[in-house]
Protein backbone atom coordinates (compact mmCIF):
# COMPACT_ATOMS: atom_id res chain seq x y z
CA MET A 1 9.01 -19.62 -14.84
CA THR A 2 6.48 -17.11 -13.64
CA ASP A 3 2.70 -17.69 -14.24
CA TYR A 4 1.93 -13.95 -15.73
CA ALA A 5 -1.51 -14.89 -16.36
CA THR A 6 -2.13 -15.22 -12.52
CA LEU A 7 0.00 -12.43 -11.57
CA ALA A 8 -1.94 -10.18 -14.16
CA GLN A 9 -5.11 -11.49 -12.75
CA THR A 10 -3.66 -10.56 -8.94
CA ILE A 11 -2.53 -6.95 -10.13
CA GLN A 12 -5.74 -6.33 -11.78
CA SER A 13 -7.75 -7.35 -8.75
CA LEU A 14 -5.47 -4.99 -6.45
CA THR A 15 -5.65 -2.12 -8.78
CA ASN A 16 -8.56 -1.86 -10.10
CA GLY A 17 -9.95 1.65 -10.53
CA GLU A 18 -6.76 2.94 -9.18
CA THR A 19 -5.06 6.03 -11.49
CA ASP A 20 -2.43 7.06 -8.89
CA THR A 21 1.05 6.46 -10.36
CA VAL A 22 2.94 5.77 -7.27
CA SER A 23 0.66 3.50 -5.90
CA LEU A 24 0.04 1.59 -8.97
CA MET A 25 4.48 1.63 -8.96
CA ALA A 26 4.33 0.70 -5.37
CA THR A 27 1.67 -2.78 -6.20
CA VAL A 28 3.38 -3.53 -8.89
CA ALA A 29 6.93 -3.78 -7.72
CA CYS A 30 5.58 -5.81 -4.69
CA GLU A 31 3.50 -8.34 -6.69
CA VAL A 32 6.47 -8.76 -9.53
CA HIS A 33 9.20 -8.95 -7.01
CA HIS A 34 7.41 -11.88 -4.88
CA ALA A 35 6.56 -13.80 -7.97
CA ASP A 36 9.59 -15.37 -8.95
CA ASP A 37 13.04 -16.22 -7.28
CA ARG A 38 14.65 -15.27 -9.97
CA PHE A 39 13.59 -11.22 -9.40
CA ASP A 40 16.13 -9.82 -7.11
CA TRP A 41 15.68 -5.95 -7.73
CA THR A 42 12.46 -5.22 -8.99
CA GLY A 43 11.41 -1.21 -9.36
CA PHE A 44 10.38 2.07 -11.12
CA TYR A 45 12.09 4.92 -12.29
CA ARG A 46 9.98 7.86 -13.47
CA VAL A 47 10.29 10.33 -15.56
CA THR A 48 10.70 13.58 -13.46
CA GLY A 49 12.40 16.38 -15.80
CA PRO A 50 13.69 16.14 -19.48
CA ASP A 51 16.13 12.91 -20.19
CA MET A 52 15.70 12.15 -16.09
CA LEU A 53 14.89 9.22 -14.11
CA LYS A 54 14.44 8.96 -10.39
CA ILE A 55 13.64 6.20 -8.91
CA GLY A 56 10.57 5.28 -7.80
CA PRO A 57 8.79 2.09 -5.52
CA TYR A 58 11.27 -0.45 -5.32
CA GLN A 59 11.71 -4.29 -4.06
CA GLY A 60 15.32 -5.19 -3.22
CA GLY A 61 18.32 -3.39 -2.13
CA HIS A 62 18.99 0.55 -2.64
CA GLY A 63 18.85 2.22 -6.49
CA TYR A 64 20.60 4.88 -7.98
CA LEU A 65 18.56 7.86 -6.96
CA HIS A 66 18.66 9.81 -10.71
CA ILE A 67 19.58 8.24 -13.89
CA PRO A 68 19.94 10.24 -17.10
CA PHE A 69 18.27 9.02 -19.96
CA SER A 70 21.86 8.60 -21.33
CA ARG A 71 23.17 6.24 -19.04
CA GLY A 72 22.78 2.37 -18.41
CA VAL A 73 20.21 0.09 -19.20
CA CYS A 74 17.11 2.39 -17.28
CA GLY A 75 18.61 5.33 -19.63
CA ALA A 76 18.64 2.95 -22.98
CA ALA A 77 14.91 2.10 -21.92
CA ALA A 78 13.76 5.29 -21.47
CA ARG A 79 15.58 7.04 -24.52
CA THR A 80 14.76 4.72 -27.27
CA GLY A 81 11.13 3.41 -26.00
CA GLU A 82 11.83 -0.04 -26.53
CA VAL A 83 12.10 -2.91 -23.99
CA GLN A 84 15.99 -3.80 -22.75
CA LEU A 85 16.92 -7.74 -22.56
CA VAL A 86 20.16 -7.67 -21.10
CA PRO A 87 21.56 -11.40 -20.70
CA ASP A 88 24.90 -9.79 -19.29
CA VAL A 89 25.08 -6.82 -17.68
CA ASP A 90 28.56 -6.53 -18.18
CA ALA A 91 28.56 -6.67 -21.79
CA PHE A 92 26.23 -4.00 -21.77
CA PRO A 93 28.10 -0.59 -22.75
CA GLY A 94 28.19 1.84 -19.67
CA HIS A 95 25.92 -0.80 -17.45
CA ILE A 96 25.20 0.98 -13.78
CA ALA A 97 25.72 -1.48 -11.24
CA CYS A 98 23.56 -0.87 -8.17
CA ALA A 99 24.63 -4.36 -6.90
CA SER A 100 27.77 -6.52 -7.85
CA SER A 101 25.48 -9.36 -7.83
CA THR A 102 23.59 -8.62 -10.68
CA ARG A 103 24.30 -10.21 -13.88
CA SER A 104 21.19 -10.00 -16.12
CA GLU A 105 18.59 -7.02 -16.19
CA LEU A 106 15.18 -6.82 -18.00
CA VAL A 107 13.69 -3.06 -18.33
CA LEU A 108 10.46 -2.04 -19.86
CA PRO A 109 9.40 1.64 -20.64
CA ILE A 110 6.01 2.12 -19.38
CA TRP A 111 3.52 4.41 -21.20
CA ASN A 112 0.29 5.83 -19.89
CA GLY A 113 -3.03 5.56 -22.18
CA SER A 114 -2.15 8.55 -24.13
CA GLY A 115 1.09 7.49 -24.79
CA ARG A 116 3.26 9.36 -22.29
CA LEU A 117 6.31 7.89 -21.25
CA LEU A 118 6.01 7.45 -17.53
CA GLY A 119 8.76 5.69 -16.50
CA VAL A 120 10.53 2.12 -16.97
CA PHE A 121 10.27 -1.15 -14.97
CA ASP A 122 13.46 -2.62 -13.84
CA ILE A 123 14.01 -5.96 -12.83
CA ASP A 124 17.66 -7.14 -11.94
CA SER A 125 18.68 -11.06 -11.39
CA ASN A 126 21.73 -12.46 -9.95
CA GLN A 127 21.64 -15.73 -12.40
CA PRO A 128 23.30 -14.73 -16.30
CA ALA A 129 20.35 -14.82 -18.89
CA ALA A 130 17.83 -14.95 -16.71
CA PHE A 131 15.14 -13.32 -18.28
CA SER A 132 13.47 -14.18 -21.75
CA GLN A 133 11.26 -12.74 -24.21
CA ALA A 134 8.41 -14.17 -22.43
CA ASP A 135 9.08 -12.79 -19.42
CA ALA A 136 9.48 -9.48 -21.49
CA ASP A 137 6.04 -10.07 -22.99
CA GLY A 138 4.20 -11.13 -19.84
CA LEU A 139 5.22 -7.80 -18.20
CA ALA A 140 4.66 -5.74 -20.97
CA SER A 141 1.07 -6.75 -20.88
CA ILE A 142 0.78 -6.49 -16.96
CA LEU A 143 2.58 -2.58 -16.98
CA ALA A 144 0.03 -1.72 -20.47
CA ARG A 145 -2.96 -2.85 -18.68
CA THR A 146 -2.02 -1.06 -15.52
CA PHE A 147 -0.94 2.07 -16.66
CA HIS A 148 -3.47 2.97 -19.26
CA ALA A 149 -6.06 5.11 -17.04
CA VAL A 150 -3.02 7.11 -15.65
CA PRO A 151 -3.24 10.38 -16.42
């Protein structure tokens, strides 16, 4: 299990005072990816237009370049503004498979301090039911703290 308190401290110390979205995303993706062996693909999809996500900083194999809000787990998180905790990606209607090895997924919307949706944070695992509500809560707290000062 990930030590989210230590991970939060590490990310805070690395990003303190930073407001550049891409720099923050790159740092978070790297630190989270290396914090837990369950995390096979860890990265961001950024809101770049109406109902459109484009790939941002990530760790792992290639991701999709564009994801409309109407498709997949990432699109569902962006469209609804709700965390998507998917224990079995094959059971998720419209799942977009970046890698055939992905079994479960956790996607969290990320907001700036003004409540503007910046994108989503996506974590894939090759293990079924790899993520829990504790993972979602720990990551949501880190994301809220990290992106609150982004304009």
